[in-house]
Each structure stands twice: as C-alpha cells, then as structure tokens.
Amino acid sequence: MRLEQIIASSCRQKILLALAKVGRTHVTRLVRMINSTYNLVNRNLGILENEKIVRTKRLGYLRIVELNLENPRTVALLRALELLDKPIPEFDDFMSD
C-alpha cells in the first residue's frame, strides 16, 4: 500500500499520532484515546500491521500495540503527519490579505 493510502484514513492518522505520543498501549485504551470504535480501530490496526507500520503482541488477554520505528516507512509517515499538522505561513499571509 502506498504511503498516501495509509494516511488517507483519519482513523489511521489518529492511531499513528496516539502511538507516537504514548509509545505503546493496549487496543482498548487506544480506542478510547482516539474516540473511535473497537471494530474500526481493529480493522485499521490490521492494515497498519500488514504494512509493518505497527507491531502487536499478546500480554495475557491484552493485545499491546506499538509503532515499528525500525521501519523507515513508519518514520516517513510520522514526519508527513507532523508536516500536515503545521500551518503553511504563505497560505496564512495570503488569507489575511
């Protein structure tokens, strides 16, 4: 899957940003953090896991999820999300005129 397709989903964006903030967490907490549903988060985690953007492991009955920072695509996605979150100065100047 292309990087543009990965960040096209607002749920996947929220998952990536939340994991960047907390490091690792269990899926239920992640659902609460991004104010979504378990099914939607689970489906998007499956996509991210297939792309090796995130890693999951079992800890008893909990499923722990974390970013796979060894994957250069993960780092690129986080940088892209950071850039998308910043205002464009030229655009702000244009809009204020």
C-alpha atoms as a PDB file:
ATOM      1  CA  MET A   1       0.000   0.000   0.000  1.00  0.00           C
ATOM      2  CA  ARG A   2       1.292   3.463  -0.844  1.00  0.00           C
ATOM      3  CA  LEU A   3       2.013   5.910   1.984  1.00  0.00           C
ATOM      4  CA  GLU A   4      -0.691   8.274   0.697  1.00  0.00           C
ATOM      5  CA  GLN A   5      -3.244   5.482   1.050  1.00  0.00           C
ATOM      6  CA  ILE A   6      -2.112   4.735   4.580  1.00  0.00           C
ATOM      7  CA  ILE A   7      -2.592   8.306   5.785  1.00  0.00           C
ATOM      8  CA  ALA A   8      -5.781   8.787   3.758  1.00  0.00           C
ATOM      9  CA  SER A   9      -7.758   7.337   6.675  1.00  0.00           C
ATOM     10  CA  SER A  10      -8.385   9.731   9.555  1.00  0.00           C
ATOM     11  CA  CYS A  11      -8.591   6.733  11.893  1.00  0.00           C
ATOM     12  CA  ARG A  12      -5.126   5.544  10.866  1.00  0.00           C
ATOM     13  CA  GLN A  13      -3.803   9.082  11.289  1.00  0.00           C
ATOM     14  CA  LYS A  14      -5.219   9.221  14.813  1.00  0.00           C
ATOM     15  CA  ILE A  15      -3.778   5.796  15.628  1.00  0.00           C
ATOM     16  CA  LEU A  16      -0.307   6.827  14.453  1.00  0.00           C
ATOM     17  CA  LEU A  17      -0.398  10.138  16.328  1.00  0.00           C
ATOM     18  CA  ALA A  18      -1.659   8.500  19.521  1.00  0.00           C
ATOM     19  CA  LEU A  19       1.024   5.814  19.389  1.00  0.00           C
ATOM     20  CA  ALA A  20       3.676   8.448  18.693  1.00  0.00           C
ATOM     21  CA  LYS A  21       2.557  10.180  21.879  1.00  0.00           C
ATOM     22  CA  VAL A  22       2.288   7.197  24.252  1.00  0.00           C
ATOM     23  CA  GLY A  23       4.726   4.695  22.738  1.00  0.00           C
ATOM     24  CA  ARG A  24       2.706   1.558  23.327  1.00  0.00           C
ATOM     25  CA  THR A  25      -0.719   0.767  24.678  1.00  0.00           C
ATOM     26  CA  HIS A  26      -3.433  -1.855  24.587  1.00  0.00           C
ATOM     27  CA  VAL A  27      -6.104  -1.732  21.914  1.00  0.00           C
ATOM     28  CA  THR A  28      -8.996  -0.819  24.223  1.00  0.00           C
ATOM     29  CA  ARG A  29      -7.092   2.190  25.566  1.00  0.00           C
ATOM     30  CA  LEU A  30      -6.221   3.208  22.016  1.00  0.00           C
ATOM     31  CA  VAL A  31      -9.923   3.076  21.078  1.00  0.00           C
ATOM     32  CA  ARG A  32     -10.697   5.446  23.955  1.00  0.00           C
ATOM     33  CA  MET A  33      -7.760   7.734  23.177  1.00  0.00           C
ATOM     34  CA  ILE A  34      -8.872   8.373  19.611  1.00  0.00           C
ATOM     35  CA  ASN A  35     -12.598   8.301  20.407  1.00  0.00           C
ATOM     36  CA  SER A  36     -13.438   5.564  17.924  1.00  0.00           C
ATOM     37  CA  THR A  37     -14.973   2.091  17.868  1.00  0.00           C
ATOM     38  CA  TYR A  38     -13.178  -1.164  18.541  1.00  0.00           C
ATOM     39  CA  ASN A  39     -14.080  -2.614  15.136  1.00  0.00           C
ATOM     40  CA  LEU A  40     -12.812   0.438  13.235  1.00  0.00           C
ATOM     41  CA  VAL A  41      -9.556   0.591  15.203  1.00  0.00           C
ATOM     42  CA  ASN A  42      -9.056  -3.162  14.913  1.00  0.00           C
ATOM     43  CA  ARG A  43      -9.561  -3.073  11.127  1.00  0.00           C
ATOM     44  CA  ASN A  44      -7.114  -0.185  10.713  1.00  0.00           C
ATOM     45  CA  LEU A  45      -4.570  -1.794  13.037  1.00  0.00           C
ATOM     46  CA  GLY A  46      -4.732  -4.860  10.792  1.00  0.00           C
ATOM     47  CA  ILE A  47      -3.859  -2.691   7.788  1.00  0.00           C
ATOM     48  CA  LEU A  48      -1.016  -0.981   9.663  1.00  0.00           C
ATOM     49  CA  GLU A  49       0.263  -4.321  10.924  1.00  0.00           C
ATOM     50  CA  ASN A  50       0.216  -5.850   7.426  1.00  0.00           C
ATOM     51  CA  GLU A  51       2.267  -2.876   6.250  1.00  0.00           C
ATOM     52  CA  LYS A  52       4.632  -3.406   9.215  1.00  0.00           C
ATOM     53  CA  ILE A  53       3.936   0.132  10.457  1.00  0.00           C
ATOM     54  CA  VAL A  54       2.842  -1.172  13.873  1.00  0.00           C
ATOM     55  CA  ARG A  55       3.613  -4.302  15.870  1.00  0.00           C
ATOM     56  CA  THR A  56       1.238  -6.110  18.167  1.00  0.00           C
ATOM     57  CA  LYS A  57       1.852  -8.721  20.812  1.00  0.00           C
ATOM     58  CA  ARG A  58      -0.225 -10.538  23.376  1.00  0.00           C
ATOM     59  CA  LEU A  59       0.166  -9.895  27.071  1.00  0.00           C
ATOM     60  CA  GLY A  60      -2.312 -12.230  28.698  1.00  0.00           C
ATOM     61  CA  TYR A  61      -5.693 -11.287  27.290  1.00  0.00           C
ATOM     62  CA  LEU A  62      -4.497  -7.810  26.251  1.00  0.00           C
ATOM     63  CA  ARG A  63      -3.227  -7.015  22.776  1.00  0.00           C
ATOM     64  CA  ILE A  64      -0.428  -4.463  23.020  1.00  0.00           C
ATOM     65  CA  VAL A  65       0.295  -2.258  20.012  1.00  0.00           C
ATOM     66  CA  GLU A  66       3.311  -0.053  19.289  1.00  0.00           C
ATOM     67  CA  LEU A  67       4.903   1.738  16.364  1.00  0.00           C
ATOM     68  CA  ASN A  68       7.528  -0.172  14.416  1.00  0.00           C
ATOM     69  CA  LEU A  69      10.170   2.551  14.363  1.00  0.00           C
ATOM     70  CA  GLU A  70      12.640   0.205  12.687  1.00  0.00           C
ATOM     71  CA  ASN A  71      10.583   0.534   9.517  1.00  0.00           C
ATOM     72  CA  PRO A  72      11.622   3.658   7.552  1.00  0.00           C
ATOM     73  CA  ARG A  73       8.061   3.953   6.225  1.00  0.00           C
ATOM     74  CA  THR A  74       6.814   4.452   9.792  1.00  0.00           C
ATOM     75  CA  VAL A  75       9.238   7.324  10.324  1.00  0.00           C
ATOM     76  CA  ALA A  76       8.216   8.832   6.962  1.00  0.00           C
ATOM     77  CA  LEU A  77       4.534   8.629   7.889  1.00  0.00           C
ATOM     78  CA  LEU A  78       5.125  10.343  11.221  1.00  0.00           C
ATOM     79  CA  ARG A  79       7.084  13.125   9.514  1.00  0.00           C
ATOM     80  CA  ALA A  80       4.319  13.546   6.928  1.00  0.00           C
ATOM     81  CA  LEU A  81       1.666  13.782   9.643  1.00  0.00           C
ATOM     82  CA  GLU A  82       3.791  16.326  11.516  1.00  0.00           C
ATOM     83  CA  LEU A  83       4.124  18.438   8.359  1.00  0.00           C
ATOM     84  CA  LEU A  84       0.418  18.182   7.606  1.00  0.00           C
ATOM     85  CA  ASP A  85      -0.357  19.453  11.091  1.00  0.00           C
ATOM     86  CA  LYS A  86       1.718  22.635  10.684  1.00  0.00           C
ATOM     87  CA  PRO A  87       0.168  25.759   9.164  1.00  0.00           C
ATOM     88  CA  ILE A  88       1.597  26.979   5.870  1.00  0.00           C
ATOM     89  CA  PRO A  89       2.927  30.529   6.502  1.00  0.00           C
ATOM     90  CA  GLU A  90       2.479  31.692   2.903  1.00  0.00           C
ATOM     91  CA  PHE A  91      -1.112  30.479   2.913  1.00  0.00           C
ATOM     92  CA  ASP A  92      -1.869  32.257   6.190  1.00  0.00           C
ATOM     93  CA  ASP A  93      -0.422  35.504   4.792  1.00  0.00           C
ATOM     94  CA  PHE A  94      -2.464  35.106   1.616  1.00  0.00           C
ATOM     95  CA  MET A  95      -5.672  34.532   3.588  1.00  0.00           C
ATOM     96  CA  SER A  96      -5.127  37.585   5.809  1.00  0.00           C
ATOM     97  CA  ASP A  97      -4.838  39.998   2.842  1.00  0.00           C
END
